[in-house]
Amino acid sequence: MAVVVNKLIPEFESMATGDIKVSNQTHLGQTIILYFYPKDNTPGCTTEAMQFRDKYKDFVKAGAEVFGVSRDNMTSHDSFKAKLELPFELIADTEEKMCHMFGVVKNKIMYGKKVKGIERSTFLIGPDGILKEEWRGLKVPGHVEDVLKAVKALKKAA
């Protein structure tokens, strides 16, 4: 089942760094940011993670929790998180269950070859478990600020 704006997100359950289980039920009552990125330790993904890190206190103040999601394994995530001193957890979606549910797996051309990859995307889930907003195929510059504005608007509307 795919995610749709203004609808409840489907059931999911995944493990994150810090030995935390994340599901559609574990964070009800809290605004959640799920940002999907292609790969740990790549330039764009590092920049995006650092921008979420640098604004993390603002997200928390606005009542939101941030999770990064990629197909990398927990070992890679633990290293990436430590290296960048990320204050939020990273979800290891090694089986691509969340990636498929959120529709972020896309065919891409890399170095002239067709590959299956993750389209950089972010999802804002309200405290009621409803998908409030999505950003797909986005560019990193300015994106974290856009998400923070949406979180603040959601809090103000509540």
C-alpha atoms as a PDB file:
ATOM      1  CA  MET A   1       0.000   0.000   0.000  1.00  0.00           C
ATOM      2  CA  ALA A   2       1.428   3.371  -1.012  1.00  0.00           C
ATOM      3  CA  VAL A   3       1.413   6.562   1.029  1.00  0.00           C
ATOM      4  CA  VAL A   4      -1.024   9.327   0.078  1.00  0.00           C
ATOM      5  CA  VAL A   5      -1.104  12.912   1.363  1.00  0.00           C
ATOM      6  CA  ASN A   6      -3.956  13.524   3.855  1.00  0.00           C
ATOM      7  CA  LYS A   7      -4.328   9.771   4.526  1.00  0.00           C
ATOM      8  CA  LEU A   8      -3.083   7.574   7.373  1.00  0.00           C
ATOM      9  CA  ILE A   9       0.311   6.080   6.617  1.00  0.00           C
ATOM     10  CA  PRO A  10       0.240   2.289   6.223  1.00  0.00           C
ATOM     11  CA  GLU A  11       1.646   0.018   8.911  1.00  0.00           C
ATOM     12  CA  PHE A  12       5.410  -0.372   8.980  1.00  0.00           C
ATOM     13  CA  GLU A  13       8.095  -1.377  11.444  1.00  0.00           C
ATOM     14  CA  SER A  14      11.853  -0.905  11.124  1.00  0.00           C
ATOM     15  CA  MET A  15      14.937  -0.815  13.285  1.00  0.00           C
ATOM     16  CA  ALA A  16      16.980   2.351  13.690  1.00  0.00           C
ATOM     17  CA  THR A  17      20.332   3.228  15.193  1.00  0.00           C
ATOM     18  CA  GLY A  18      20.314   3.360  18.977  1.00  0.00           C
ATOM     19  CA  ASP A  19      18.499  -0.002  18.879  1.00  0.00           C
ATOM     20  CA  ILE A  20      15.179   1.821  18.456  1.00  0.00           C
ATOM     21  CA  LYS A  21      12.135   0.280  16.821  1.00  0.00           C
ATOM     22  CA  VAL A  22      10.222   2.750  14.630  1.00  0.00           C
ATOM     23  CA  SER A  23       6.711   2.027  13.411  1.00  0.00           C
ATOM     24  CA  ASN A  24       3.547   3.840  12.426  1.00  0.00           C
ATOM     25  CA  GLN A  25       2.432   3.311  16.065  1.00  0.00           C
ATOM     26  CA  THR A  26       5.577   4.105  18.114  1.00  0.00           C
ATOM     27  CA  HIS A  27       5.455   7.864  17.518  1.00  0.00           C
ATOM     28  CA  LEU A  28       1.720   8.585  17.423  1.00  0.00           C
ATOM     29  CA  GLY A  29       1.106  11.943  19.080  1.00  0.00           C
ATOM     30  CA  GLN A  30       4.363  13.275  17.668  1.00  0.00           C
ATOM     31  CA  THR A  31       5.161  14.926  14.348  1.00  0.00           C
ATOM     32  CA  ILE A  32       7.628  12.800  12.372  1.00  0.00           C
ATOM     33  CA  ILE A  33      10.000  13.715   9.561  1.00  0.00           C
ATOM     34  CA  LEU A  34      11.151  10.755   7.462  1.00  0.00           C
ATOM     35  CA  TYR A  35      13.809  11.778   4.988  1.00  0.00           C
ATOM     36  CA  PHE A  36      14.910   9.160   2.469  1.00  0.00           C
ATOM     37  CA  TYR A  37      18.386   9.493   1.002  1.00  0.00           C
ATOM     38  CA  PRO A  38      20.423   7.374  -1.439  1.00  0.00           C
ATOM     39  CA  LYS A  39      23.545   6.379   0.524  1.00  0.00           C
ATOM     40  CA  ASP A  40      25.619   7.044   3.646  1.00  0.00           C
ATOM     41  CA  ASN A  41      28.898   8.940   3.160  1.00  0.00           C
ATOM     42  CA  THR A  42      28.085  10.394  -0.273  1.00  0.00           C
ATOM     43  CA  PRO A  43      28.410  14.168  -0.827  1.00  0.00           C
ATOM     44  CA  GLY A  44      24.727  15.133  -1.199  1.00  0.00           C
ATOM     45  CA  CYS A  45      23.587  12.800   1.558  1.00  0.00           C
ATOM     46  CA  THR A  46      26.279  14.061   3.929  1.00  0.00           C
ATOM     47  CA  THR A  47      25.251  17.677   3.260  1.00  0.00           C
ATOM     48  CA  GLU A  48      21.570  16.875   3.791  1.00  0.00           C
ATOM     49  CA  ALA A  49      22.277  14.993   7.056  1.00  0.00           C
ATOM     50  CA  MET A  50      24.393  17.897   8.351  1.00  0.00           C
ATOM     51  CA  GLN A  51      21.625  20.386   7.511  1.00  0.00           C
ATOM     52  CA  PHE A  52      19.047  18.304   9.427  1.00  0.00           C
ATOM     53  CA  ARG A  53      21.609  18.018  12.251  1.00  0.00           C
ATOM     54  CA  ASP A  54      22.171  21.772  12.352  1.00  0.00           C
ATOM     55  CA  LYS A  55      18.410  22.502  12.515  1.00  0.00           C
ATOM     56  CA  TYR A  56      17.569  19.530  14.762  1.00  0.00           C
ATOM     57  CA  LYS A  57      16.944  21.631  17.901  1.00  0.00           C
ATOM     58  CA  ASP A  58      14.501  23.773  15.894  1.00  0.00           C
ATOM     59  CA  PHE A  59      12.626  20.646  14.764  1.00  0.00           C
ATOM     60  CA  VAL A  60      12.427  19.354  18.345  1.00  0.00           C
ATOM     61  CA  LYS A  61      11.274  22.774  19.582  1.00  0.00           C
ATOM     62  CA  ALA A  62       8.518  22.657  16.934  1.00  0.00           C
ATOM     63  CA  GLY A  63       7.487  19.220  18.234  1.00  0.00           C
ATOM     64  CA  ALA A  64       8.982  17.025  15.498  1.00  0.00           C
ATOM     65  CA  GLU A  65      11.287  14.004  15.506  1.00  0.00           C
ATOM     66  CA  VAL A  66      13.615  13.433  12.537  1.00  0.00           C
ATOM     67  CA  PHE A  67      14.605  10.056  11.063  1.00  0.00           C
ATOM     68  CA  GLY A  68      16.906   9.473   8.092  1.00  0.00           C
ATOM     69  CA  VAL A  69      16.116   6.386   5.985  1.00  0.00           C
ATOM     70  CA  SER A  70      18.299   4.569   3.456  1.00  0.00           C
ATOM     71  CA  ARG A  71      19.051   1.036   2.291  1.00  0.00           C
ATOM     72  CA  ASP A  72      22.391   1.037   4.116  1.00  0.00           C
ATOM     73  CA  ASN A  73      22.872  -1.480   6.930  1.00  0.00           C
ATOM     74  CA  MET A  74      23.093  -0.669  10.645  1.00  0.00           C
ATOM     75  CA  THR A  75      26.917  -0.820  10.700  1.00  0.00           C
ATOM     76  CA  SER A  76      27.105   1.809   7.952  1.00  0.00           C
ATOM     77  CA  HIS A  77      24.453   3.935   9.703  1.00  0.00           C
ATOM     78  CA  ASP A  78      26.224   3.754  13.087  1.00  0.00           C
ATOM     79  CA  SER A  79      29.470   4.914  11.484  1.00  0.00           C
ATOM     80  CA  PHE A  80      27.780   7.697   9.451  1.00  0.00           C
ATOM     81  CA  LYS A  81      25.859   8.899  12.529  1.00  0.00           C
ATOM     82  CA  ALA A  82      28.994   8.968  14.708  1.00  0.00           C
ATOM     83  CA  LYS A  83      31.148  10.643  12.049  1.00  0.00           C
ATOM     84  CA  LEU A  84      28.648  13.490  11.535  1.00  0.00           C
ATOM     85  CA  GLU A  85      27.541  13.603  15.199  1.00  0.00           C
ATOM     86  CA  LEU A  86      23.893  13.254  14.163  1.00  0.00           C
ATOM     87  CA  PRO A  87      21.457  13.807  17.070  1.00  0.00           C
ATOM     88  CA  PHE A  88      18.700  11.809  15.332  1.00  0.00           C
ATOM     89  CA  GLU A  89      18.406   8.133  14.447  1.00  0.00           C
ATOM     90  CA  LEU A  90      18.875   6.486  11.044  1.00  0.00           C
ATOM     91  CA  ILE A  91      16.584   3.699   9.857  1.00  0.00           C
ATOM     92  CA  ALA A  92      18.197   0.762   8.053  1.00  0.00           C
ATOM     93  CA  ASP A  93      15.734  -0.258   5.329  1.00  0.00           C
ATOM     94  CA  THR A  94      17.957  -2.988   3.898  1.00  0.00           C
ATOM     95  CA  GLU A  95      14.976  -4.920   2.496  1.00  0.00           C
ATOM     96  CA  GLU A  96      13.512  -1.749   0.921  1.00  0.00           C
ATOM     97  CA  LYS A  97      10.112  -2.248   2.589  1.00  0.00           C
ATOM     98  CA  MET A  98       9.747   1.402   3.619  1.00  0.00           C
ATOM     99  CA  CYS A  99      11.352   2.594   0.366  1.00  0.00           C
ATOM    100  CA  HIS A 100       8.709   0.762  -1.656  1.00  0.00           C
ATOM    101  CA  MET A 101       5.869   1.784   0.655  1.00  0.00           C
ATOM    102  CA  PHE A 102       6.816   5.449   0.279  1.00  0.00           C
ATOM    103  CA  GLY A 103       7.490   5.007  -3.459  1.00  0.00           C
ATOM    104  CA  VAL A 104      11.057   6.323  -3.445  1.00  0.00           C
ATOM    105  CA  VAL A 105      12.762   3.490  -5.369  1.00  0.00           C
ATOM    106  CA  LYS A 106      13.397   4.754  -8.905  1.00  0.00           C
ATOM    107  CA  ASN A 107      15.362   3.724 -11.961  1.00  0.00           C
ATOM    108  CA  LYS A 108      18.321   6.044 -12.402  1.00  0.00           C
ATOM    109  CA  ILE A 109      21.200   6.370 -14.830  1.00  0.00           C
ATOM    110  CA  MET A 110      24.590   6.344 -13.119  1.00  0.00           C
ATOM    111  CA  TYR A 111      27.750   6.418 -15.185  1.00  0.00           C
ATOM    112  CA  GLY A 112      25.710   5.405 -18.232  1.00  0.00           C
ATOM    113  CA  LYS A 113      24.180   2.341 -16.536  1.00  0.00           C
ATOM    114  CA  LYS A 114      20.595   1.832 -15.425  1.00  0.00           C
ATOM    115  CA  VAL A 115      20.453   1.270 -11.657  1.00  0.00           C
ATOM    116  CA  LYS A 116      17.740   1.119  -9.042  1.00  0.00           C
ATOM    117  CA  GLY A 117      18.230   3.887  -6.520  1.00  0.00           C
ATOM    118  CA  ILE A 118      16.531   6.009  -3.898  1.00  0.00           C
ATOM    119  CA  GLU A 119      14.977   9.285  -5.002  1.00  0.00           C
ATOM    120  CA  ARG A 120      15.786  11.876  -2.340  1.00  0.00           C
ATOM    121  CA  SER A 121      12.412  12.501  -0.668  1.00  0.00           C
ATOM    122  CA  THR A 122      11.009  13.767   2.631  1.00  0.00           C
ATOM    123  CA  PHE A 123       7.684  13.036   4.322  1.00  0.00           C
ATOM    124  CA  LEU A 124       5.978  15.005   7.092  1.00  0.00           C
ATOM    125  CA  ILE A 125       3.680  12.835   9.227  1.00  0.00           C
ATOM    126  CA  GLY A 126       1.368  14.541  11.704  1.00  0.00           C
ATOM    127  CA  PRO A 127       0.786  13.474  15.327  1.00  0.00           C
ATOM    128  CA  ASP A 128      -2.387  11.733  14.101  1.00  0.00           C
ATOM    129  CA  GLY A 129      -0.371   9.422  11.796  1.00  0.00           C
ATOM    130  CA  ILE A 130      -1.609  11.213   8.671  1.00  0.00           C
ATOM    131  CA  LEU A 131       0.836  12.164   5.910  1.00  0.00           C
ATOM    132  CA  LYS A 132       0.652  15.966   5.857  1.00  0.00           C
ATOM    133  CA  GLU A 133       3.205  16.819   3.182  1.00  0.00           C
ATOM    134  CA  GLU A 134       5.760  15.227   0.875  1.00  0.00           C
ATOM    135  CA  TRP A 135       8.755  16.466  -1.078  1.00  0.00           C
ATOM    136  CA  ARG A 136       9.967  14.176  -3.873  1.00  0.00           C
ATOM    137  CA  GLY A 137      12.998  14.340  -6.159  1.00  0.00           C
ATOM    138  CA  LEU A 138      14.224  17.307  -4.200  1.00  0.00           C
ATOM    139  CA  LYS A 139      17.458  19.248  -4.237  1.00  0.00           C
ATOM    140  CA  VAL A 140      19.346  19.643  -0.946  1.00  0.00           C
ATOM    141  CA  PRO A 141      19.898  23.458  -0.843  1.00  0.00           C
ATOM    142  CA  GLY A 142      17.066  25.127   1.084  1.00  0.00           C
ATOM    143  CA  HIS A 143      15.135  21.905   1.593  1.00  0.00           C
ATOM    144  CA  VAL A 144      15.595  21.528   5.365  1.00  0.00           C
ATOM    145  CA  GLU A 145      14.336  25.115   5.848  1.00  0.00           C
ATOM    146  CA  ASP A 146      11.220  24.280   3.779  1.00  0.00           C
ATOM    147  CA  VAL A 147      10.507  21.224   5.934  1.00  0.00           C
ATOM    148  CA  LEU A 148      11.006  23.223   9.145  1.00  0.00           C
ATOM    149  CA  LYS A 149       8.554  25.890   7.907  1.00  0.00           C
ATOM    150  CA  ALA A 150       5.973  23.160   7.225  1.00  0.00           C
ATOM    151  CA  VAL A 151       6.498  21.671  10.712  1.00  0.00           C
ATOM    152  CA  LYS A 152       6.049  25.085  12.350  1.00  0.00           C
ATOM    153  CA  ALA A 153       2.890  25.731  10.288  1.00  0.00           C
ATOM    154  CA  LEU A 154       1.516  22.338  11.350  1.00  0.00           C
ATOM    155  CA  LYS A 155       2.204  23.114  15.021  1.00  0.00           C
ATOM    156  CA  LYS A 156       0.556  26.547  14.705  1.00  0.00           C
ATOM    157  CA  ALA A 157      -2.534  24.975  13.077  1.00  0.00           C
ATOM    158  CA  ALA A 158      -2.915  22.421  15.892  1.00  0.00           C
END
